[in-house]
């Protein structure tokens, strides 16, 4: 009897231990899902079920500064000759993205106007098979920090404007080789009539295999990133279109035509819509990148940036007739997908970033776990036209000046670009009074 009771007691105790562990595991899992969700998707869905959160790999934190302080390192002087702080890039897009953009340096596509920096689609090429446009790259490179861009971004007419960062030169040739191995950070990419922006991190690794197979496995890793390479990007596209995982809502846009009357009669002429002025903010720290649109920035009495507060989330429409996200398979609510005003990637939970680790660790002794995003990058702004999937025009075709000819005259108007870098942690008392700067559209 005592032996039986003892055995039963042991069994009961074991059951209680297992039950306690299970409860703790569930609690920990739920806390993880709520407090440290995977950042491969937008950060608006932590009110969803645990399963949905895991499927959507949502981020529950907003990437704000968490007690860190940042001093203003540089505010670009946008009223002066752009060539003082920027390289004006002259290169055709023929071998880059196949867009219609022919980037030129003739003062027609990049210039200052009052206090603003302007990039412009200035004219059609003589043969009508490309469009002369603007592209610039900062002379100065930066490693880590908070970067803010206050910009009026052109829309419609199959435009593809972008705010991004590249290492080295305009070809992205950096510490770890040519593009994409040395990395790319896309703060904003948007096309035509989309109401959202895309935020992506792009990296890659050299490969000895042909291009098609090199992206399927890292087993064929080569330390050369010139002849063979695999691109590892958080932008994911398939036969049914691209995932909305990299999107954040900016502003709805309509792309109409207006009728103008001239003494020669009536004709249709494309107008040049744009978003209102918005502020796009990137926080780039060791192992983490976060982008917001129109957050609230708080500055203390010492002039330090002390907090970034996201604005309320928005909503973007789904691809026409598409009822499910092509990657997750989840239904899109109300024929749309909830889109946040910010998005984050952590290296520890972003597989596309992790995929380059074998290449980095075996080929570069100095590479850190955050590579390739552990080197200095330069700021890049440009306006491409067409060239992407579904666009009405591409390089070397008359569609550049016909279907996309209305892009001529479109402008990206930049009123502020600032760079903040983290200050050393100090135990000294600091002022708590802050000035709030709400970066909402003008």
Foldseek 3Di string as FASTA:
>chain_A
DVVVVVVVVVVVVVVVVVVVVVVVVVVVLLCCLQAPFAFLFEAPPNVDDSVVSNLRRHGNDQPKDVFFWWFFDDWDQAQDFVVVFKDKDQAACVPPLQFQEGEDDDCQQWGGDHRWTKGFQAAAPPVLQHTYTTKIWTPDWDAFFKKKFWKWFWAALFKKWFKWKAPDDPQRQDDQGTPPALKIWTLFIDTHQFQKTFTKIKHKFFFPDAAVCVQVDCPRTDSYDDPGMYMQMSWDADPVGTFCRRIAGDGGDDFDWDWDADPVGIDIAGDIDTHFTKMWMWGDDQQKIKIFIFWKWKAFPVRITGITGHDAGDWTADDPPDQAGPPSRHGDPPRTHTHGRMGMHGCVNRVSQQRCVVNCVVNPVPDDSNPSSRDIIIIMIIMTGDSDPPGQHGGPDSCCCPSSVSSNGHMMIINIMITIDTDDDDPDDDGPDIDMDGRDGD
